[in-house]
């Protein structure tokens, strides 16, 4: 069998190479900011909140089912305002609203006729 040649057999110590130290060139912060704006680089700074956050609503009511619905911002504001005025959780306000609809006893068909008249 043939043995492989070791290319490093004659080398006693491997040469040590050290990189040259890099020159530190100070760059002004304004220059960096100007270049980033010109080239559309995104900022890593946190954006200020666009709308004030509502105070968290924490009520221990035993409700554990979630109901999601799409609504306009005005409707959502009305809903939260009504809950705040009555000092009730959102689920309780929904129950009160459904109870009021049941008491009224009108069906959507009869409501549409009243609107058309």
PDB file of N, CA and C in Angstrom:
ATOM      1  N   UNK A   1       0.815  -1.186   0.000  1.00  0.00           N
ATOM      2  CA  UNK A   1       0.000   0.000   0.000  1.00  0.00           C
ATOM      3  C   UNK A   1       0.854   1.242   0.000  1.00  0.00           C
ATOM      4  N   UNK A   2       0.338   2.227  -0.661  1.00  0.00           N
ATOM      5  CA  UNK A   2       1.041   3.509  -0.702  1.00  0.00           C
ATOM      6  C   UNK A   2       0.639   4.351   0.495  1.00  0.00           C
ATOM      7  N   UNK A   3       1.640   4.998   1.065  1.00  0.00           N
ATOM      8  CA  UNK A   3       1.353   5.919   2.165  1.00  0.00           C
ATOM      9  C   UNK A   3       1.261   7.327   1.603  1.00  0.00           C
ATOM     10  N   UNK A   4       0.409   8.104   2.191  1.00  0.00           N
ATOM     11  CA  UNK A   4       0.269   9.499   1.762  1.00  0.00           C
ATOM     12  C   UNK A   4       1.430  10.317   2.272  1.00  0.00           C
ATOM     13  N   UNK A   5       1.828  11.245   1.484  1.00  0.00           N
ATOM     14  CA  UNK A   5       2.881  12.167   1.891  1.00  0.00           C
ATOM     15  C   UNK A   5       2.296  13.213   2.826  1.00  0.00           C
ATOM     16  N   UNK A   6       3.025  13.564   3.868  1.00  0.00           N
ATOM     17  CA  UNK A   6       2.634  14.619   4.777  1.00  0.00           C
ATOM     18  C   UNK A   6       3.279  15.916   4.302  1.00  0.00           C
ATOM     19  N   UNK A   7       2.525  16.883   3.815  1.00  0.00           N
ATOM     20  CA  UNK A   7       3.119  18.119   3.307  1.00  0.00           C
ATOM     21  C   UNK A   7       3.779  18.954   4.393  1.00  0.00           C
ATOM     22  N   UNK A   8       3.473  18.709   5.658  1.00  0.00           N
ATOM     23  CA  UNK A   8       4.041  19.503   6.739  1.00  0.00           C
ATOM     24  C   UNK A   8       5.141  18.753   7.496  1.00  0.00           C
ATOM     25  N   UNK A   9       5.625  17.697   6.936  1.00  0.00           N
ATOM     26  CA  UNK A   9       6.642  16.889   7.618  1.00  0.00           C
ATOM     27  C   UNK A   9       7.937  17.667   7.821  1.00  0.00           C
ATOM     28  N   UNK A  10       8.328  18.522   6.923  1.00  0.00           N
ATOM     29  CA  UNK A  10       9.595  19.251   7.016  1.00  0.00           C
ATOM     30  C   UNK A  10       9.464  20.574   7.775  1.00  0.00           C
ATOM     31  N   UNK A  11       8.285  20.957   8.109  1.00  0.00           N
ATOM     32  CA  UNK A  11       8.070  22.240   8.781  1.00  0.00           C
ATOM     33  C   UNK A  11       8.117  22.002  10.287  1.00  0.00           C
ATOM     34  N   UNK A  12       9.059  22.661  10.961  1.00  0.00           N
ATOM     35  CA  UNK A  12       9.194  22.488  12.406  1.00  0.00           C
ATOM     36  C   UNK A  12       8.119  23.276  13.139  1.00  0.00           C
ATOM     37  N   UNK A  13       8.090  24.571  12.902  1.00  0.00           N
ATOM     38  CA  UNK A  13       7.086  25.429  13.536  1.00  0.00           C
ATOM     39  C   UNK A  13       6.369  26.206  12.447  1.00  0.00           C
ATOM     40  N   UNK A  14       5.080  26.240  12.550  1.00  0.00           N
ATOM     41  CA  UNK A  14       4.291  26.996  11.572  1.00  0.00           C
ATOM     42  C   UNK A  14       4.508  28.481  11.814  1.00  0.00           C
ATOM     43  N   UNK A  15       4.591  29.258  10.752  1.00  0.00           N
ATOM     44  CA  UNK A  15       4.786  30.693  10.943  1.00  0.00           C
ATOM     45  C   UNK A  15       3.547  31.315  11.611  1.00  0.00           C
ATOM     46  N   UNK A  16       3.796  32.329  12.402  1.00  0.00           N
ATOM     47  CA  UNK A  16       2.722  33.024  13.105  1.00  0.00           C
ATOM     48  C   UNK A  16       2.497  34.358  12.404  1.00  0.00           C
ATOM     49  N   UNK A  17       1.291  34.576  11.987  1.00  0.00           N
ATOM     50  CA  UNK A  17       0.945  35.826  11.329  1.00  0.00           C
ATOM     51  C   UNK A  17       0.046  36.617  12.262  1.00  0.00           C
ATOM     52  N   UNK A  18       0.347  37.864  12.417  1.00  0.00           N
ATOM     53  CA  UNK A  18      -0.504  38.746  13.226  1.00  0.00           C
ATOM     54  C   UNK A  18      -1.027  39.847  12.324  1.00  0.00           C
ATOM     55  N   UNK A  19      -2.283  40.157  12.426  1.00  0.00           N
ATOM     56  CA  UNK A  19      -2.838  41.219  11.576  1.00  0.00           C
ATOM     57  C   UNK A  19      -2.351  42.578  12.048  1.00  0.00           C
ATOM     58  N   UNK A  20      -2.267  43.483  11.097  1.00  0.00           N
ATOM     59  CA  UNK A  20      -1.884  44.843  11.439  1.00  0.00           C
ATOM     60  C   UNK A  20      -3.039  45.509  12.175  1.00  0.00           C
ATOM     61  N   UNK A  21      -2.705  46.332  13.148  1.00  0.00           N
ATOM     62  CA  UNK A  21      -3.798  47.021  13.837  1.00  0.00           C
ATOM     63  C   UNK A  21      -4.476  48.023  12.891  1.00  0.00           C
ATOM     64  N   UNK A  22      -5.810  48.073  12.995  1.00  0.00           N
ATOM     65  CA  UNK A  22      -6.560  48.985  12.134  1.00  0.00           C
ATOM     66  C   UNK A  22      -6.495  50.397  12.700  1.00  0.00           C
ATOM     67  N   UNK A  23      -6.439  51.348  11.801  1.00  0.00           N
ATOM     68  CA  UNK A  23      -6.489  52.735  12.233  1.00  0.00           C
ATOM     69  C   UNK A  23      -7.937  53.059  12.567  1.00  0.00           C
ATOM     70  N   UNK A  24      -8.133  53.672  13.699  1.00  0.00           N
ATOM     71  CA  UNK A  24      -9.479  54.075  14.066  1.00  0.00           C
ATOM     72  C   UNK A  24      -9.716  55.474  13.543  1.00  0.00           C
ATOM     73  N   UNK A  25     -10.693  55.578  12.663  1.00  0.00           N
ATOM     74  CA  UNK A  25     -11.040  56.874  12.088  1.00  0.00           C
ATOM     75  C   UNK A  25     -12.314  57.354  12.774  1.00  0.00           C
ATOM     76  N   UNK A  26     -12.231  58.424  13.527  1.00  0.00           N
ATOM     77  CA  UNK A  26     -13.442  58.897  14.203  1.00  0.00           C
ATOM     78  C   UNK A  26     -14.448  59.435  13.176  1.00  0.00           C
ATOM     79  N   UNK A  27     -15.691  59.040  13.347  1.00  0.00           N
ATOM     80  CA  UNK A  27     -16.767  59.491  12.467  1.00  0.00           C
ATOM     81  C   UNK A  27     -17.767  60.259  13.320  1.00  0.00           C
ATOM     82  N   UNK A  28     -18.143  61.422  12.841  1.00  0.00           N
ATOM     83  CA  UNK A  28     -19.082  62.240  13.603  1.00  0.00           C
ATOM     84  C   UNK A  28     -20.484  61.631  13.540  1.00  0.00           C
ATOM     85  N   UNK A  29     -21.199  61.735  14.622  1.00  0.00           N
ATOM     86  CA  UNK A  29     -22.536  61.167  14.722  1.00  0.00           C
ATOM     87  C   UNK A  29     -23.481  61.790  13.685  1.00  0.00           C
ATOM     88  N   UNK A  30     -23.340  63.081  13.457  1.00  0.00           N
ATOM     89  CA  UNK A  30     -24.203  63.763  12.487  1.00  0.00           C
ATOM     90  C   UNK A  30     -23.998  63.187  11.082  1.00  0.00           C
ATOM     91  N   UNK A  31     -22.773  62.836  10.765  1.00  0.00           N
ATOM     92  CA  UNK A  31     -22.482  62.261   9.448  1.00  0.00           C
ATOM     93  C   UNK A  31     -23.171  60.911   9.293  1.00  0.00           C
ATOM     94  N   UNK A  32     -23.106  60.099  10.322  1.00  0.00           N
ATOM     95  CA  UNK A  32     -23.744  58.790  10.288  1.00  0.00           C
ATOM     96  C   UNK A  32     -25.260  58.951  10.154  1.00  0.00           C
ATOM     97  N   UNK A  33     -25.846  59.863  10.917  1.00  0.00           N
ATOM     98  CA  UNK A  33     -27.292  60.076  10.858  1.00  0.00           C
ATOM     99  C   UNK A  33     -27.711  60.580   9.478  1.00  0.00           C
ATOM    100  N   UNK A  34     -26.933  61.489   8.914  1.00  0.00           N
ATOM    101  CA  UNK A  34     -27.256  62.029   7.588  1.00  0.00           C
ATOM    102  C   UNK A  34     -27.204  60.924   6.542  1.00  0.00           C
ATOM    103  N   UNK A  35     -26.152  60.079   6.596  1.00  0.00           N
ATOM    104  CA  UNK A  35     -26.034  58.979   5.638  1.00  0.00           C
ATOM    105  C   UNK A  35     -27.166  57.965   5.798  1.00  0.00           C
ATOM    106  N   UNK A  36     -27.537  57.698   7.020  1.00  0.00           N
ATOM    107  CA  UNK A  36     -28.617  56.723   7.232  1.00  0.00           C
ATOM    108  C   UNK A  36     -29.942  57.266   6.705  1.00  0.00           C
ATOM    109  N   UNK A  37     -30.202  58.548   6.875  1.00  0.00           N
ATOM    110  CA  UNK A  37     -31.437  59.136   6.344  1.00  0.00           C
ATOM    111  C   UNK A  37     -31.423  59.137   4.815  1.00  0.00           C
ATOM    112  N   UNK A  38     -30.269  59.449   4.217  1.00  0.00           N
ATOM    113  CA  UNK A  38     -30.184  59.499   2.761  1.00  0.00           C
ATOM    114  C   UNK A  38     -30.378  58.114   2.137  1.00  0.00           C
ATOM    115  N   UNK A  39     -29.956  57.059   2.833  1.00  0.00           N
ATOM    116  CA  UNK A  39     -30.032  55.701   2.288  1.00  0.00           C
ATOM    117  C   UNK A  39     -31.187  54.883   2.862  1.00  0.00           C
ATOM    118  N   UNK A  40     -32.104  55.546   3.567  1.00  0.00           N
ATOM    119  CA  UNK A  40     -33.308  54.915   4.127  1.00  0.00           C
ATOM    120  C   UNK A  40     -33.009  53.742   5.062  1.00  0.00           C
ATOM    121  N   UNK A  41     -31.989  53.881   5.890  1.00  0.00           N
ATOM    122  CA  UNK A  41     -31.715  52.866   6.892  1.00  0.00           C
ATOM    123  C   UNK A  41     -32.687  53.076   8.050  1.00  0.00           C
ATOM    124  N   UNK A  42     -33.328  52.026   8.534  1.00  0.00           N
ATOM    125  CA  UNK A  42     -34.282  52.207   9.635  1.00  0.00           C
ATOM    126  C   UNK A  42     -33.561  52.478  10.956  1.00  0.00           C
ATOM    127  N   UNK A  43     -34.201  53.234  11.788  1.00  0.00           N
ATOM    128  CA  UNK A  43     -33.650  53.526  13.108  1.00  0.00           C
ATOM    129  C   UNK A  43     -33.989  52.399  14.060  1.00  0.00           C
ATOM    130  N   UNK A  44     -33.135  52.149  15.012  1.00  0.00           N
ATOM    131  CA  UNK A  44     -33.422  51.128  16.015  1.00  0.00           C
ATOM    132  C   UNK A  44     -34.033  51.744  17.260  1.00  0.00           C
ATOM    133  N   UNK A  45     -34.223  53.035  17.228  1.00  0.00           N
ATOM    134  CA  UNK A  45     -34.851  53.703  18.355  1.00  0.00           C
ATOM    135  C   UNK A  45     -36.333  53.342  18.385  1.00  0.00           C
ATOM    136  N   UNK A  46     -36.870  53.198  19.578  1.00  0.00           N
ATOM    137  CA  UNK A  46     -38.287  52.887  19.714  1.00  0.00           C
ATOM    138  C   UNK A  46     -39.104  54.089  19.262  1.00  0.00           C
ATOM    139  N   UNK A  47     -40.160  53.806  18.503  1.00  0.00           N
ATOM    140  CA  UNK A  47     -41.036  54.880  18.046  1.00  0.00           C
ATOM    141  C   UNK A  47     -41.958  55.274  19.184  1.00  0.00           C
ATOM    142  N   UNK A  48     -42.281  56.555  19.282  1.00  0.00           N
ATOM    143  CA  UNK A  48     -43.207  56.966  20.340  1.00  0.00           C
ATOM    144  C   UNK A  48     -44.586  56.374  20.062  1.00  0.00           C
ATOM    145  N   UNK A  49     -45.328  56.044  21.098  1.00  0.00           N
ATOM    146  CA  UNK A  49     -46.648  55.455  20.885  1.00  0.00           C
ATOM    147  C   UNK A  49     -47.566  56.435  20.154  1.00  0.00           C
ATOM    148  N   UNK A  50     -48.331  55.914  19.200  1.00  0.00           N
ATOM    149  CA  UNK A  50     -49.173  56.780  18.384  1.00  0.00           C
ATOM    150  C   UNK A  50     -50.435  57.199  19.129  1.00  0.00           C
ATOM    151  N   UNK A  51     -50.989  56.321  19.933  1.00  0.00           N
ATOM    152  CA  UNK A  51     -52.190  56.649  20.692  1.00  0.00           C
ATOM    153  C   UNK A  51     -51.956  56.271  22.150  1.00  0.00           C
ATOM    154  N   UNK A  52     -52.539  57.032  23.053  1.00  0.00           N
ATOM    155  CA  UNK A  52     -52.343  56.674  24.460  1.00  0.00           C
ATOM    156  C   UNK A  52     -53.001  55.330  24.759  1.00  0.00           C
ATOM    157  N   UNK A  53     -52.344  54.544  25.567  1.00  0.00           N
ATOM    158  CA  UNK A  53     -52.868  53.221  25.907  1.00  0.00           C
ATOM    159  C   UNK A  53     -53.924  53.344  26.996  1.00  0.00           C
ATOM    160  N   UNK A  54     -54.933  52.492  26.883  1.00  0.00           N
ATOM    161  CA  UNK A  54     -55.966  52.457  27.906  1.00  0.00           C
ATOM    162  C   UNK A  54     -55.436  51.759  29.147  1.00  0.00           C
ATOM    163  N   UNK A  55     -56.012  52.111  30.266  1.00  0.00           N
ATOM    164  CA  UNK A  55     -55.671  51.450  31.511  1.00  0.00           C
ATOM    165  C   UNK A  55     -56.156  50.000  31.422  1.00  0.00           C
ATOM    166  N   UNK A  56     -55.334  49.018  31.837  1.00  0.00           N
ATOM    167  CA  UNK A  56     -55.765  47.623  31.736  1.00  0.00           C
ATOM    168  C   UNK A  56     -57.015  47.366  32.575  1.00  0.00           C
ATOM    169  N   UNK A  57     -57.892  46.550  32.034  1.00  0.00           N
ATOM    170  CA  UNK A  57     -59.129  46.195  32.740  1.00  0.00           C
ATOM    171  C   UNK A  57     -58.942  44.792  33.308  1.00  0.00           C
ATOM    172  N   UNK A  58     -58.861  44.710  34.606  1.00  0.00           N
ATOM    173  CA  UNK A  58     -58.684  43.413  35.244  1.00  0.00           C
ATOM    174  C   UNK A  58     -59.849  43.212  36.206  1.00  0.00           C
ATOM    175  N   UNK A  59     -60.722  42.287  35.858  1.00  0.00           N
ATOM    176  CA  UNK A  59     -61.869  41.953  36.689  1.00  0.00           C
ATOM    177  C   UNK A  59     -61.895  40.436  36.841  1.00  0.00           C
ATOM    178  N   UNK A  60     -62.095  39.969  38.033  1.00  0.00           N
ATOM    179  CA  UNK A  60     -62.212  38.534  38.287  1.00  0.00           C
ATOM    180  C   UNK A  60     -63.696  38.200  38.277  1.00  0.00           C
ATOM    181  N   UNK A  61     -64.202  37.791  37.123  1.00  0.00           N
ATOM    182  CA  UNK A  61     -65.634  37.559  36.979  1.00  0.00           C
ATOM    183  C   UNK A  61     -65.985  36.118  36.688  1.00  0.00           C
ATOM    184  N   UNK A  62     -65.008  35.282  36.388  1.00  0.00           N
ATOM    185  CA  UNK A  62     -65.300  33.903  36.055  1.00  0.00           C
ATOM    186  C   UNK A  62     -65.609  33.700  34.578  1.00  0.00           C
ATOM    187  N   UNK A  63     -65.624  34.785  33.822  1.00  0.00           N
ATOM    188  CA  UNK A  63     -65.852  34.641  32.381  1.00  0.00           C
ATOM    189  C   UNK A  63     -64.563  34.130  31.751  1.00  0.00           C
ATOM    190  N   UNK A  64     -64.682  33.098  30.926  1.00  0.00           N
ATOM    191  CA  UNK A  64     -63.473  32.545  30.338  1.00  0.00           C
ATOM    192  C   UNK A  64     -63.621  32.305  28.838  1.00  0.00           C
ATOM    193  N   UNK A  65     -64.647  32.837  28.223  1.00  0.00           N
ATOM    194  CA  UNK A  65     -64.832  32.709  26.785  1.00  0.00           C
ATOM    195  C   UNK A  65     -64.543  34.058  26.143  1.00  0.00           C
ATOM    196  N   UNK A  66     -63.900  34.024  24.999  1.00  0.00           N
ATOM    197  CA  UNK A  66     -63.551  35.266  24.323  1.00  0.00           C
ATOM    198  C   UNK A  66     -64.439  35.444  23.108  1.00  0.00           C
ATOM    199  N   UNK A  67     -64.865  36.681  22.870  1.00  0.00           N
ATOM    200  CA  UNK A  67     -65.691  37.016  21.726  1.00  0.00           C
ATOM    201  C   UNK A  67     -64.996  38.151  20.984  1.00  0.00           C
ATOM    202  N   UNK A  68     -64.627  37.911  19.740  1.00  0.00           N
ATOM    203  CA  UNK A  68     -63.965  38.944  18.945  1.00  0.00           C
ATOM    204  C   UNK A  68     -64.921  39.430  17.878  1.00  0.00           C
ATOM    205  N   UNK A  69     -64.905  40.721  17.645  1.00  0.00           N
ATOM    206  CA  UNK A  69     -65.727  41.301  16.594  1.00  0.00           C
ATOM    207  C   UNK A  69     -65.005  42.507  16.037  1.00  0.00           C
ATOM    208  N   UNK A  70     -65.125  42.697  14.727  1.00  0.00           N
ATOM    209  CA  UNK A  70     -64.530  43.883  14.116  1.00  0.00           C
ATOM    210  C   UNK A  70     -65.506  45.038  14.278  1.00  0.00           C
ATOM    211  N   UNK A  71     -64.967  46.206  14.582  1.00  0.00           N
ATOM    212  CA  UNK A  71     -65.798  47.384  14.781  1.00  0.00           C
ATOM    213  C   UNK A  71     -65.006  48.618  14.366  1.00  0.00           C
ATOM    214  N   UNK A  72     -65.718  49.687  14.159  1.00  0.00           N
ATOM    215  CA  UNK A  72     -65.057  50.950  13.836  1.00  0.00           C
ATOM    216  C   UNK A  72     -64.445  51.520  15.119  1.00  0.00           C
ATOM    217  N   UNK A  73     -63.463  52.392  14.997  1.00  0.00           N
ATOM    218  CA  UNK A  73     -62.872  52.988  16.206  1.00  0.00           C
ATOM    219  C   UNK A  73     -63.919  53.740  17.049  1.00  0.00           C
ATOM    220  N   UNK A  74     -64.885  54.364  16.386  1.00  0.00           N
ATOM    221  CA  UNK A  74     -65.930  55.092  17.126  1.00  0.00           C
ATOM    222  C   UNK A  74     -66.774  54.138  17.963  1.00  0.00           C
ATOM    223  N   UNK A  75     -67.115  52.974  17.390  1.00  0.00           N
ATOM    224  CA  UNK A  75     -67.919  51.991  18.112  1.00  0.00           C
ATOM    225  C   UNK A  75     -67.152  51.451  19.307  1.00  0.00           C
ATOM    226  N   UNK A  76     -65.879  51.185  19.118  1.00  0.00           N
ATOM    227  CA  UNK A  76     -65.056  50.688  20.225  1.00  0.00           C
ATOM    228  C   UNK A  76     -64.991  51.730  21.332  1.00  0.00           C
ATOM    229  N   UNK A  77     -64.817  53.004  20.967  1.00  0.00           N
ATOM    230  CA  UNK A  77     -64.777  54.062  21.977  1.00  0.00           C
ATOM    231  C   UNK A  77     -66.097  54.146  22.726  1.00  0.00           C
ATOM    232  N   UNK A  78     -67.213  54.048  22.002  1.00  0.00           N
ATOM    233  CA  UNK A  78     -68.535  54.093  22.646  1.00  0.00           C
ATOM    234  C   UNK A  78     -68.689  52.940  23.624  1.00  0.00           C
ATOM    235  N   UNK A  79     -68.219  51.755  23.218  1.00  0.00           N
ATOM    236  CA  UNK A  79     -68.353  50.575  24.063  1.00  0.00           C
ATOM    237  C   UNK A  79     -67.555  50.745  25.358  1.00  0.00           C
ATOM    238  N   UNK A  80     -66.304  51.178  25.232  1.00  0.00           N
ATOM    239  CA  UNK A  80     -65.481  51.384  26.421  1.00  0.00           C
ATOM    240  C   UNK A  80     -66.039  52.511  27.295  1.00  0.00           C
ATOM    241  N   UNK A  81     -66.541  53.565  26.669  1.00  0.00           N
ATOM    242  CA  UNK A  81     -67.108  54.682  27.427  1.00  0.00           C
ATOM    243  C   UNK A  81     -68.332  54.221  28.215  1.00  0.00           C
ATOM    244  N   UNK A  82     -69.190  53.412  27.572  1.00  0.00           N
ATOM    245  CA  UNK A  82     -70.377  52.909  28.262  1.00  0.00           C
ATOM    246  C   UNK A  82     -69.985  52.022  29.431  1.00  0.00           C
ATOM    247  N   UNK A  83     -68.967  51.196  29.265  1.00  0.00           N
ATOM    248  CA  UNK A  83     -68.512  50.328  30.362  1.00  0.00           C
ATOM    249  C   UNK A  83     -67.934  51.163  31.500  1.00  0.00           C
ATOM    250  N   UNK A  84     -67.183  52.209  31.159  1.00  0.00           N
ATOM    251  CA  UNK A  84     -66.604  53.075  32.189  1.00  0.00           C
ATOM    252  C   UNK A  84     -67.685  53.827  32.954  1.00  0.00           C
ATOM    253  N   UNK A  85     -68.705  54.325  32.232  1.00  0.00           N
ATOM    254  CA  UNK A  85     -69.771  55.074  32.891  1.00  0.00           C
ATOM    255  C   UNK A  85     -70.550  54.193  33.866  1.00  0.00           C
ATOM    256  N   UNK A  86     -70.701  52.927  33.531  1.00  0.00           N
ATOM    257  CA  UNK A  86     -71.455  52.007  34.379  1.00  0.00           C
ATOM    258  C   UNK A  86     -70.558  51.263  35.368  1.00  0.00           C
ATOM    259  N   UNK A  87     -69.253  51.418  35.243  1.00  0.00           N
ATOM    260  CA  UNK A  87     -68.264  50.736  36.091  1.00  0.00           C
ATOM    261  C   UNK A  87     -68.474  49.226  36.074  1.00  0.00           C
ATOM    262  N   UNK A  88     -68.613  48.686  34.856  1.00  0.00           N
ATOM    263  CA  UNK A  88     -68.788  47.244  34.697  1.00  0.00           C
ATOM    264  C   UNK A  88     -67.738  46.726  33.723  1.00  0.00           C
ATOM    265  N   UNK A  89     -67.409  45.433  33.815  1.00  0.00           N
ATOM    266  CA  UNK A  89     -66.500  44.840  32.832  1.00  0.00           C
ATOM    267  C   UNK A  89     -67.173  44.790  31.458  1.00  0.00           C
ATOM    268  N   UNK A  90     -66.356  44.601  30.432  1.00  0.00           N
ATOM    269  CA  UNK A  90     -66.883  44.595  29.068  1.00  0.00           C
ATOM    270  C   UNK A  90     -67.870  43.452  28.847  1.00  0.00           C
ATOM    271  N   UNK A  91     -67.609  42.299  29.425  1.00  0.00           N
ATOM    272  CA  UNK A  91     -68.526  41.171  29.285  1.00  0.00           C
ATOM    273  C   UNK A  91     -69.880  41.460  29.902  1.00  0.00           C
ATOM    274  N   UNK A  92     -69.887  42.145  31.038  1.00  0.00           N
ATOM    275  CA  UNK A  92     -71.150  42.501  31.685  1.00  0.00           C
ATOM    276  C   UNK A  92     -71.911  43.519  30.842  1.00  0.00           C
ATOM    277  N   UNK A  93     -71.209  44.463  30.246  1.00  0.00           N
ATOM    278  CA  UNK A  93     -71.868  45.438  29.376  1.00  0.00           C
ATOM    279  C   UNK A  93     -72.500  44.747  28.171  1.00  0.00           C
ATOM    280  N   UNK A  94     -71.809  43.765  27.616  1.00  0.00           N
ATOM    281  CA  UNK A  94     -72.366  43.002  26.499  1.00  0.00           C
ATOM    282  C   UNK A  94     -73.631  42.268  26.937  1.00  0.00           C
ATOM    283  N   UNK A  95     -73.590  41.670  28.123  1.00  0.00           N
ATOM    284  CA  UNK A  95     -74.775  40.979  28.635  1.00  0.00           C
ATOM    285  C   UNK A  95     -75.930  41.950  28.830  1.00  0.00           C
ATOM    286  N   UNK A  96     -75.646  43.127  29.384  1.00  0.00           N
ATOM    287  CA  UNK A  96     -76.697  44.136  29.584  1.00  0.00           C
ATOM    288  C   UNK A  96     -77.293  44.584  28.251  1.00  0.00           C
ATOM    289  N   UNK A  97     -76.430  44.760  27.250  1.00  0.00           N
ATOM    290  CA  UNK A  97     -76.913  45.186  25.941  1.00  0.00           C
ATOM    291  C   UNK A  97     -77.786  44.106  25.300  1.00  0.00           C
ATOM    292  N   UNK A  98     -77.382  42.854  25.429  1.00  0.00           N
ATOM    293  CA  UNK A  98     -78.194  41.763  24.875  1.00  0.00           C
ATOM    294  C   UNK A  98     -79.518  41.631  25.614  1.00  0.00           C
ATOM    295  N   UNK A  99     -79.498  41.828  26.937  1.00  0.00           N
ATOM    296  CA  UNK A  99     -80.741  41.794  27.705  1.00  0.00           C
ATOM    297  C   UNK A  99     -81.678  42.908  27.252  1.00  0.00           C
ATOM    298  N   UNK A 100     -81.131  44.099  26.993  1.00  0.00           N
ATOM    299  CA  UNK A 100     -81.951  45.221  26.525  1.00  0.00           C
ATOM    300  C   UNK A 100     -82.555  44.914  25.159  1.00  0.00           C
ATOM    301  N   UNK A 101     -81.781  44.267  24.285  1.00  0.00           N
ATOM    302  CA  UNK A 101     -82.317  43.876  22.976  1.00  0.00           C
ATOM    303  C   UNK A 101     -83.444  42.859  23.129  1.00  0.00           C
ATOM    304  N   UNK A 102     -83.270  41.925  24.039  1.00  0.00           N
ATOM    305  CA  UNK A 102     -84.324  40.929  24.272  1.00  0.00           C
ATOM    306  C   UNK A 102     -85.583  41.582  24.823  1.00  0.00           C
ATOM    307  N   UNK A 103     -85.439  42.527  25.755  1.00  0.00           N
ATOM    308  CA  UNK A 103     -86.603  43.223  26.321  1.00  0.00           C
ATOM    309  C   UNK A 103     -87.333  44.023  25.269  1.00  0.00           C
ATOM    310  N   UNK A 104     -86.566  44.641  24.360  1.00  0.00           N
ATOM    311  CA  UNK A 104     -87.176  45.459  23.300  1.00  0.00           C
ATOM    312  C   UNK A 104     -88.037  44.573  22.406  1.00  0.00           C
ATOM    313  N   UNK A 105     -87.581  43.361  22.160  1.00  0.00           N
ATOM    314  CA  UNK A 105     -88.365  42.383  21.440  1.00  0.00           C
ATOM    315  C   UNK A 105     -88.509  42.638  19.962  1.00  0.00           C
ATOM    316  N   UNK A 106     -87.769  43.560  19.411  1.00  0.00           N
ATOM    317  CA  UNK A 106     -87.907  43.808  17.977  1.00  0.00           C
ATOM    318  C   UNK A 106     -86.958  42.908  17.217  1.00  0.00           C
ATOM    319  N   UNK A 107     -87.457  42.402  16.098  1.00  0.00           N
ATOM    320  CA  UNK A 107     -86.600  41.588  15.243  1.00  0.00           C
ATOM    321  C   UNK A 107     -85.964  42.497  14.210  1.00  0.00           C
ATOM    322  N   UNK A 108     -84.866  42.092  13.593  1.00  0.00           N
ATOM    323  CA  UNK A 108     -84.223  42.928  12.579  1.00  0.00           C
ATOM    324  C   UNK A 108     -85.172  43.261  11.429  1.00  0.00           C
ATOM    325  N   UNK A 109     -86.083  42.340  11.073  1.00  0.00           N
ATOM    326  CA  UNK A 109     -87.018  42.601   9.969  1.00  0.00           C
ATOM    327  C   UNK A 109     -87.962  43.725  10.331  1.00  0.00           C
ATOM    328  N   UNK A 110     -88.507  43.742  11.539  1.00  0.00           N
ATOM    329  CA  UNK A 110     -89.437  44.798  11.919  1.00  0.00           C
ATOM    330  C   UNK A 110     -88.707  46.128  12.074  1.00  0.00           C
ATOM    331  N   UNK A 111     -87.439  46.087  12.467  1.00  0.00           N
ATOM    332  CA  UNK A 111     -86.647  47.303  12.579  1.00  0.00           C
ATOM    333  C   UNK A 111     -86.402  47.911  11.214  1.00  0.00           C
ATOM    334  N   UNK A 112     -86.131  47.071  10.200  1.00  0.00           N
ATOM    335  CA  UNK A 112     -85.912  47.562   8.842  1.00  0.00           C
ATOM    336  C   UNK A 112     -87.165  48.219   8.287  1.00  0.00           C
ATOM    337  N   UNK A 113     -88.360  47.697   8.612  1.00  0.00           N
ATOM    338  CA  UNK A 113     -89.606  48.278   8.125  1.00  0.00           C
ATOM    339  C   UNK A 113     -89.815  49.650   8.755  1.00  0.00           C
ATOM    340  N   UNK A 114     -89.455  49.771  10.048  1.00  0.00           N
ATOM    341  CA  UNK A 114     -89.639  51.048  10.732  1.00  0.00           C
ATOM    342  C   UNK A 114     -88.688  52.095  10.152  1.00  0.00           C
ATOM    343  N   UNK A 115     -87.512  51.709   9.734  1.00  0.00           N
ATOM    344  CA  UNK A 115     -86.540  52.643   9.164  1.00  0.00           C
ATOM    345  C   UNK A 115     -87.005  53.096   7.793  1.00  0.00           C
ATOM    346  N   UNK A 116     -87.602  52.177   7.009  1.00  0.00           N
ATOM    347  CA  UNK A 116     -88.048  52.516   5.664  1.00  0.00           C
ATOM    348  C   UNK A 116     -89.232  53.457   5.688  1.00  0.00           C
ATOM    349  N   UNK A 117     -90.059  53.437   6.709  1.00  0.00           N
ATOM    350  CA  UNK A 117     -91.279  54.255   6.759  1.00  0.00           C
ATOM    351  C   UNK A 117     -90.977  55.714   6.935  1.00  0.00           C
TER     352      UNK A 117
END
